Amino acid sequence: MADNNPEEVRPRRDPSGPPRLPDGDRVHPEHPPDIASPTTRRRLLTALVVVVVVTAIMIGAFR
Protein backbone atom coordinates (compact mmCIF):
# COMPACT_ATOMS: atom_id res chain seq x y z
CA MET A 1 0.00 0.00 0.00
CA ALA A 2 1.46 3.33 -1.12
CA ASP A 3 1.56 6.27 1.22
CA ASN A 4 0.05 9.35 -0.54
CA ASN A 5 0.95 11.97 2.02
CA PRO A 6 1.48 15.28 0.08
CA GLU A 7 3.75 16.71 2.78
CA GLU A 8 6.34 14.05 2.09
CA VAL A 9 6.31 14.75 -1.65
CA ARG A 10 6.95 18.49 -1.34
CA PRO A 11 10.31 19.61 0.03
CA ARG A 12 10.28 21.52 3.31
CA ARG A 13 10.85 25.27 3.16
CA ASP A 14 14.16 26.52 4.47
CA PRO A 15 13.40 28.85 7.41
CA SER A 16 16.48 30.96 6.67
CA GLY A 17 15.16 31.88 3.19
CA PRO A 18 16.52 31.31 -0.31
CA PRO A 19 20.26 30.97 -0.84
CA ARG A 20 22.20 34.13 -1.59
CA LEU A 21 22.95 34.98 -5.21
CA PRO A 22 26.54 35.03 -6.44
CA ASP A 23 28.12 38.48 -6.85
CA GLY A 24 27.68 38.47 -10.63
CA ASP A 25 23.90 37.95 -10.42
CA ARG A 26 22.91 40.96 -8.32
CA VAL A 27 19.51 42.44 -9.04
CA HIS A 28 19.60 46.02 -10.27
CA PRO A 29 16.66 48.36 -9.64
CA GLU A 30 14.58 49.26 -12.67
CA HIS A 31 14.58 52.98 -13.32
CA PRO A 32 11.37 54.66 -14.49
CA PRO A 33 11.36 55.51 -18.20
CA ASP A 34 12.46 58.99 -19.20
CA ILE A 35 9.49 61.26 -19.74
CA ALA A 36 9.79 62.91 -23.11
CA SER A 37 10.02 66.67 -23.02
CA PRO A 38 6.96 68.49 -24.35
CA THR A 39 7.00 69.08 -28.07
CA THR A 40 6.69 72.53 -29.60
CA ARG A 41 3.06 71.83 -30.48
CA ARG A 42 2.22 70.96 -26.87
CA ARG A 43 4.01 74.07 -25.61
CA LEU A 44 2.08 76.30 -28.01
CA LEU A 45 -1.22 74.63 -27.10
CA THR A 46 -0.48 75.07 -23.39
CA ALA A 47 0.39 78.74 -23.92
CA LEU A 48 -2.85 79.24 -25.89
CA VAL A 49 -4.93 77.64 -23.13
CA VAL A 50 -3.25 79.83 -20.50
CA VAL A 51 -3.87 82.97 -22.57
CA VAL A 52 -7.56 82.07 -23.04
CA VAL A 53 -8.03 81.37 -19.32
CA VAL A 54 -6.29 84.58 -18.25
CA THR A 55 -8.29 86.60 -20.80
CA ALA A 56 -11.55 85.08 -19.55
CA ILE A 57 -10.64 85.93 -15.96
CA MET A 58 -9.72 89.51 -16.91
CA ILE A 59 -12.96 90.03 -18.86
CA GLY A 60 -14.95 88.65 -15.91
CA ALA A 61 -13.11 90.90 -13.45
CA PHE A 62 -13.69 94.13 -15.45
CA ARG A 63 -17.42 93.56 -16.01
PDB file of N, CA and C in Angstrom:
ATOM      1  N   MET A   1       0.837  -1.166   0.000  1.00  0.00           N
ATOM      2  CA  MET A   1       0.000   0.000   0.000  1.00  0.00           C
ATOM      3  C   MET A   1       0.889   1.238   0.000  1.00  0.00           C
ATOM      4  N   ALA A   2       0.643   2.133  -0.974  1.00  0.00           N
ATOM      5  CA  ALA A   2       1.460   3.334  -1.124  1.00  0.00           C
ATOM      6  C   ALA A   2       0.968   4.431  -0.188  1.00  0.00           C
ATOM      7  N   ASP A   3       1.898   5.160   0.341  1.00  0.00           N
ATOM      8  CA  ASP A   3       1.560   6.272   1.223  1.00  0.00           C
ATOM      9  C   ASP A   3       1.452   7.548   0.382  1.00  0.00           C
ATOM     10  N   ASN A   4       0.279   8.160   0.292  1.00  0.00           N
ATOM     11  CA  ASN A   4       0.053   9.350  -0.542  1.00  0.00           C
ATOM     12  C   ASN A   4      -0.002  10.624   0.297  1.00  0.00           C
ATOM     13  N   ASN A   5       0.915  10.782   1.179  1.00  0.00           N
ATOM     14  CA  ASN A   5       0.955  11.969   2.021  1.00  0.00           C
ATOM     15  C   ASN A   5       1.612  13.105   1.234  1.00  0.00           C
ATOM     16  N   PRO A   6       0.891  14.217   0.900  1.00  0.00           N
ATOM     17  CA  PRO A   6       1.477  15.277   0.083  1.00  0.00           C
ATOM     18  C   PRO A   6       2.606  16.023   0.773  1.00  0.00           C
ATOM     19  N   GLU A   7       2.662  16.012   2.096  1.00  0.00           N
ATOM     20  CA  GLU A   7       3.749  16.710   2.778  1.00  0.00           C
ATOM     21  C   GLU A   7       5.087  16.043   2.532  1.00  0.00           C
ATOM     22  N   GLU A   8       5.082  14.759   2.326  1.00  0.00           N
ATOM     23  CA  GLU A   8       6.336  14.053   2.090  1.00  0.00           C
ATOM     24  C   GLU A   8       6.829  14.251   0.669  1.00  0.00           C
ATOM     25  N   VAL A   9       5.919  14.570  -0.258  1.00  0.00           N
ATOM     26  CA  VAL A   9       6.312  14.752  -1.653  1.00  0.00           C
ATOM     27  C   VAL A   9       6.973  16.110  -1.840  1.00  0.00           C
ATOM     28  N   ARG A  10       6.405  17.141  -1.196  1.00  0.00           N
ATOM     29  CA  ARG A  10       6.949  18.492  -1.339  1.00  0.00           C
ATOM     30  C   ARG A  10       8.124  18.682  -0.391  1.00  0.00           C
ATOM     31  N   PRO A  11       9.184  19.354  -0.872  1.00  0.00           N
ATOM     32  CA  PRO A  11      10.314  19.611   0.033  1.00  0.00           C
ATOM     33  C   PRO A  11       9.930  20.648   1.099  1.00  0.00           C
ATOM     34  N   ARG A  12      10.534  20.566   2.229  1.00  0.00           N
ATOM     35  CA  ARG A  12      10.279  21.519   3.306  1.00  0.00           C
ATOM     36  C   ARG A  12      10.931  22.862   2.974  1.00  0.00           C
ATOM     37  N   ARG A  13      10.266  23.950   3.388  1.00  0.00           N
ATOM     38  CA  ARG A  13      10.853  25.272   3.159  1.00  0.00           C
ATOM     39  C   ARG A  13      11.994  25.514   4.135  1.00  0.00           C
ATOM     40  N   ASP A  14      13.022  26.164   3.639  1.00  0.00           N
ATOM     41  CA  ASP A  14      14.162  26.515   4.473  1.00  0.00           C
ATOM     42  C   ASP A  14      13.786  27.746   5.295  1.00  0.00           C
ATOM     43  N   PRO A  15      13.814  27.697   6.606  1.00  0.00           N
ATOM     44  CA  PRO A  15      13.405  28.850   7.411  1.00  0.00           C
ATOM     45  C   PRO A  15      14.331  30.054   7.265  1.00  0.00           C
ATOM     46  N   SER A  16      15.547  29.845   6.813  1.00  0.00           N
ATOM     47  CA  SER A  16      16.475  30.963   6.670  1.00  0.00           C
ATOM     48  C   SER A  16      16.299  31.677   5.334  1.00  0.00           C
ATOM     49  N   GLY A  17      15.416  31.216   4.461  1.00  0.00           N
ATOM     50  CA  GLY A  17      15.162  31.876   3.188  1.00  0.00           C
ATOM     51  C   GLY A  17      15.938  31.256   2.051  1.00  0.00           C
ATOM     52  N   PRO A  18      15.818  31.854   0.852  1.00  0.00           N
ATOM     53  CA  PRO A  18      16.517  31.312  -0.306  1.00  0.00           C
ATOM     54  C   PRO A  18      18.020  31.559  -0.197  1.00  0.00           C
ATOM     55  N   PRO A  19      18.813  30.761  -0.897  1.00  0.00           N
ATOM     56  CA  PRO A  19      20.263  30.972  -0.841  1.00  0.00           C
ATOM     57  C   PRO A  19      20.644  32.306  -1.480  1.00  0.00           C
ATOM     58  N   ARG A  20      21.737  32.856  -1.045  1.00  0.00           N
ATOM     59  CA  ARG A  20      22.201  34.133  -1.586  1.00  0.00           C
ATOM     60  C   ARG A  20      22.664  33.956  -3.025  1.00  0.00           C
ATOM     61  N   LEU A  21      22.502  35.015  -3.816  1.00  0.00           N
ATOM     62  CA  LEU A  21      22.949  34.982  -5.205  1.00  0.00           C
ATOM     63  C   LEU A  21      24.446  35.253  -5.269  1.00  0.00           C
ATOM     64  N   PRO A  22      25.127  34.691  -6.263  1.00  0.00           N
ATOM     65  CA  PRO A  22      26.542  35.029  -6.439  1.00  0.00           C
ATOM     66  C   PRO A  22      26.687  36.513  -6.788  1.00  0.00           C
ATOM     67  N   ASP A  23      27.887  37.059  -6.624  1.00  0.00           N
ATOM     68  CA  ASP A  23      28.119  38.483  -6.851  1.00  0.00           C
ATOM     69  C   ASP A  23      27.757  38.932  -8.264  1.00  0.00           C
ATOM     70  N   GLY A  24      27.947  38.086  -9.258  1.00  0.00           N
ATOM     71  CA  GLY A  24      27.678  38.472 -10.634  1.00  0.00           C
ATOM     72  C   GLY A  24      26.195  38.542 -10.972  1.00  0.00           C
ATOM     73  N   ASP A  25      25.327  37.998 -10.129  1.00  0.00           N
ATOM     74  CA  ASP A  25      23.899  37.951 -10.419  1.00  0.00           C
ATOM     75  C   ASP A  25      23.087  38.898  -9.544  1.00  0.00           C
ATOM     76  N   ARG A  26      23.644  40.017  -9.165  1.00  0.00           N
ATOM     77  CA  ARG A  26      22.914  40.965  -8.315  1.00  0.00           C
ATOM     78  C   ARG A  26      21.755  41.573  -9.097  1.00  0.00           C
ATOM     79  N   VAL A  27      20.692  41.850  -8.410  1.00  0.00           N
ATOM     80  CA  VAL A  27      19.511  42.444  -9.036  1.00  0.00           C
ATOM     81  C   VAL A  27      19.664  43.949  -9.006  1.00  0.00           C
ATOM     82  N   HIS A  28      19.489  44.572 -10.165  1.00  0.00           N
ATOM     83  CA  HIS A  28      19.596  46.024 -10.268  1.00  0.00           C
ATOM     84  C   HIS A  28      18.199  46.623 -10.310  1.00  0.00           C
ATOM     85  N   PRO A  29      17.992  47.749  -9.623  1.00  0.00           N
ATOM     86  CA  PRO A  29      16.657  48.361  -9.645  1.00  0.00           C
ATOM     87  C   PRO A  29      16.310  48.864 -11.029  1.00  0.00           C
ATOM     88  N   GLU A  30      15.036  48.782 -11.364  1.00  0.00           N
ATOM     89  CA  GLU A  30      14.581  49.260 -12.668  1.00  0.00           C
ATOM     90  C   GLU A  30      14.216  50.736 -12.534  1.00  0.00           C
ATOM     91  N   HIS A  31      14.832  51.547 -13.356  1.00  0.00           N
ATOM     92  CA  HIS A  31      14.578  52.981 -13.315  1.00  0.00           C
ATOM     93  C   HIS A  31      13.329  53.301 -14.132  1.00  0.00           C
ATOM     94  N   PRO A  32      12.546  54.293 -13.705  1.00  0.00           N
ATOM     95  CA  PRO A  32      11.371  54.658 -14.493  1.00  0.00           C
ATOM     96  C   PRO A  32      11.798  55.204 -15.857  1.00  0.00           C
ATOM     97  N   PRO A  33      10.985  55.022 -16.872  1.00  0.00           N
ATOM     98  CA  PRO A  33      11.361  55.513 -18.200  1.00  0.00           C
ATOM     99  C   PRO A  33      11.449  57.031 -18.213  1.00  0.00           C
ATOM    100  N   ASP A  34      12.325  57.533 -19.064  1.00  0.00           N
ATOM    101  CA  ASP A  34      12.457  58.987 -19.200  1.00  0.00           C
ATOM    102  C   ASP A  34      11.185  59.549 -19.816  1.00  0.00           C
ATOM    103  N   ILE A  35      10.681  60.610 -19.203  1.00  0.00           N
ATOM    104  CA  ILE A  35       9.488  61.262 -19.737  1.00  0.00           C
ATOM    105  C   ILE A  35       9.954  62.227 -20.814  1.00  0.00           C
ATOM    106  N   ALA A  36       9.384  62.069 -21.986  1.00  0.00           N
ATOM    107  CA  ALA A  36       9.792  62.908 -23.108  1.00  0.00           C
ATOM    108  C   ALA A  36       9.419  64.358 -22.818  1.00  0.00           C
ATOM    109  N   SER A  37      10.307  65.255 -23.216  1.00  0.00           N
ATOM    110  CA  SER A  37      10.022  66.669 -23.021  1.00  0.00           C
ATOM    111  C   SER A  37       8.873  67.080 -23.942  1.00  0.00           C
ATOM    112  N   PRO A  38       8.103  68.084 -23.524  1.00  0.00           N
ATOM    113  CA  PRO A  38       6.963  68.488 -24.350  1.00  0.00           C
ATOM    114  C   PRO A  38       7.420  68.994 -25.721  1.00  0.00           C
ATOM    115  N   THR A  39       6.667  68.637 -26.723  1.00  0.00           N
ATOM    116  CA  THR A  39       7.003  69.079 -28.066  1.00  0.00           C
ATOM    117  C   THR A  39       6.596  70.535 -28.238  1.00  0.00           C
ATOM    118  N   THR A  40       7.013  71.128 -29.322  1.00  0.00           N
ATOM    119  CA  THR A  40       6.688  72.530 -29.599  1.00  0.00           C
ATOM    120  C   THR A  40       5.182  72.703 -29.718  1.00  0.00           C
ATOM    121  N   ARG A  41       4.510  71.733 -30.318  1.00  0.00           N
ATOM    122  CA  ARG A  41       3.056  71.830 -30.476  1.00  0.00           C
ATOM    123  C   ARG A  41       2.361  71.836 -29.110  1.00  0.00           C
ATOM    124  N   ARG A  42       2.818  70.995 -28.208  1.00  0.00           N
ATOM    125  CA  ARG A  42       2.221  70.960 -26.874  1.00  0.00           C
ATOM    126  C   ARG A  42       2.488  72.252 -26.117  1.00  0.00           C
ATOM    127  N   ARG A  43       3.687  72.796 -26.270  1.00  0.00           N
ATOM    128  CA  ARG A  43       4.005  74.072 -25.610  1.00  0.00           C
ATOM    129  C   ARG A  43       3.114  75.187 -26.123  1.00  0.00           C
ATOM    130  N   LEU A  44       2.930  75.257 -27.430  1.00  0.00           N
ATOM    131  CA  LEU A  44       2.076  76.300 -28.010  1.00  0.00           C
ATOM    132  C   LEU A  44       0.623  76.113 -27.569  1.00  0.00           C
ATOM    133  N   LEU A  45       0.148  74.892 -27.527  1.00  0.00           N
ATOM    134  CA  LEU A  45      -1.215  74.626 -27.095  1.00  0.00           C
ATOM    135  C   LEU A  45      -1.400  75.005 -25.623  1.00  0.00           C
ATOM    136  N   THR A  46      -0.417  74.701 -24.795  1.00  0.00           N
ATOM    137  CA  THR A  46      -0.479  75.070 -23.388  1.00  0.00           C
ATOM    138  C   THR A  46      -0.482  76.584 -23.231  1.00  0.00           C
ATOM    139  N   ALA A  47       0.357  77.275 -23.991  1.00  0.00           N
ATOM    140  CA  ALA A  47       0.389  78.736 -23.924  1.00  0.00           C
ATOM    141  C   ALA A  47      -0.946  79.323 -24.370  1.00  0.00           C
ATOM    142  N   LEU A  48      -1.555  78.754 -25.407  1.00  0.00           N
ATOM    143  CA  LEU A  48      -2.845  79.240 -25.891  1.00  0.00           C
ATOM    144  C   LEU A  48      -3.933  79.051 -24.830  1.00  0.00           C
ATOM    145  N   VAL A  49      -3.945  77.903 -24.176  1.00  0.00           N
ATOM    146  CA  VAL A  49      -4.931  77.643 -23.126  1.00  0.00           C
ATOM    147  C   VAL A  49      -4.747  78.628 -21.981  1.00  0.00           C
ATOM    148  N   VAL A  50      -3.511  78.882 -21.590  1.00  0.00           N
ATOM    149  CA  VAL A  50      -3.246  79.833 -20.503  1.00  0.00           C
ATOM    150  C   VAL A  50      -3.713  81.232 -20.890  1.00  0.00           C
ATOM    151  N   VAL A  51      -3.443  81.651 -22.121  1.00  0.00           N
ATOM    152  CA  VAL A  51      -3.871  82.975 -22.572  1.00  0.00           C
ATOM    153  C   VAL A  51      -5.389  83.075 -22.563  1.00  0.00           C
ATOM    154  N   VAL A  52      -6.092  82.044 -23.011  1.00  0.00           N
ATOM    155  CA  VAL A  52      -7.556  82.070 -23.039  1.00  0.00           C
ATOM    156  C   VAL A  52      -8.108  82.138 -21.619  1.00  0.00           C
ATOM    157  N   VAL A  53      -7.552  81.366 -20.703  1.00  0.00           N
ATOM    158  CA  VAL A  53      -8.035  81.374 -19.324  1.00  0.00           C
ATOM    159  C   VAL A  53      -7.780  82.729 -18.671  1.00  0.00           C
ATOM    160  N   VAL A  54      -6.603  83.271 -18.841  1.00  0.00           N
ATOM    161  CA  VAL A  54      -6.290  84.576 -18.247  1.00  0.00           C
ATOM    162  C   VAL A  54      -7.180  85.651 -18.849  1.00  0.00           C
ATOM    163  N   THR A  55      -7.409  85.621 -20.152  1.00  0.00           N
ATOM    164  CA  THR A  55      -8.287  86.595 -20.796  1.00  0.00           C
ATOM    165  C   THR A  55      -9.718  86.483 -20.263  1.00  0.00           C
ATOM    166  N   ALA A  56     -10.209  85.277 -20.084  1.00  0.00           N
ATOM    167  CA  ALA A  56     -11.549  85.081 -19.550  1.00  0.00           C
ATOM    168  C   ALA A  56     -11.646  85.622 -18.123  1.00  0.00           C
ATOM    169  N   ILE A  57     -10.630  85.409 -17.332  1.00  0.00           N
ATOM    170  CA  ILE A  57     -10.637  85.933 -15.962  1.00  0.00           C
ATOM    171  C   ILE A  57     -10.611  87.465 -15.962  1.00  0.00           C
ATOM    172  N   MET A  58      -9.803  88.036 -16.834  1.00  0.00           N
ATOM    173  CA  MET A  58      -9.717  89.515 -16.907  1.00  0.00           C
ATOM    174  C   MET A  58     -11.034  90.110 -17.371  1.00  0.00           C
ATOM    175  N   ILE A  59     -11.662  89.523 -18.377  1.00  0.00           N
ATOM    176  CA  ILE A  59     -12.956  90.033 -18.860  1.00  0.00           C
ATOM    177  C   ILE A  59     -14.004  89.921 -17.744  1.00  0.00           C
ATOM    178  N   GLY A  60     -14.012  88.811 -17.018  1.00  0.00           N
ATOM    179  CA  GLY A  60     -14.951  88.646 -15.906  1.00  0.00           C
ATOM    180  C   GLY A  60     -14.696  89.629 -14.771  1.00  0.00           C
ATOM    181  N   ALA A  61     -13.441  89.974 -14.544  1.00  0.00           N
ATOM    182  CA  ALA A  61     -13.109  90.897 -13.452  1.00  0.00           C
ATOM    183  C   ALA A  61     -13.500  92.336 -13.796  1.00  0.00           C
ATOM    184  N   PHE A  62     -13.416  92.734 -15.061  1.00  0.00           N
ATOM    185  CA  PHE A  62     -13.689  94.126 -15.448  1.00  0.00           C
ATOM    186  C   PHE A  62     -15.158  94.373 -15.743  1.00  0.00           C
ATOM    187  N   ARG A  63     -15.987  93.359 -15.752  1.00  0.00           N
ATOM    188  CA  ARG A  63     -17.422  93.565 -16.010  1.00  0.00           C
ATOM    189  C   ARG A  63     -18.108  94.155 -14.848  1.00  0.00           C
TER     190      ARG A  63
END
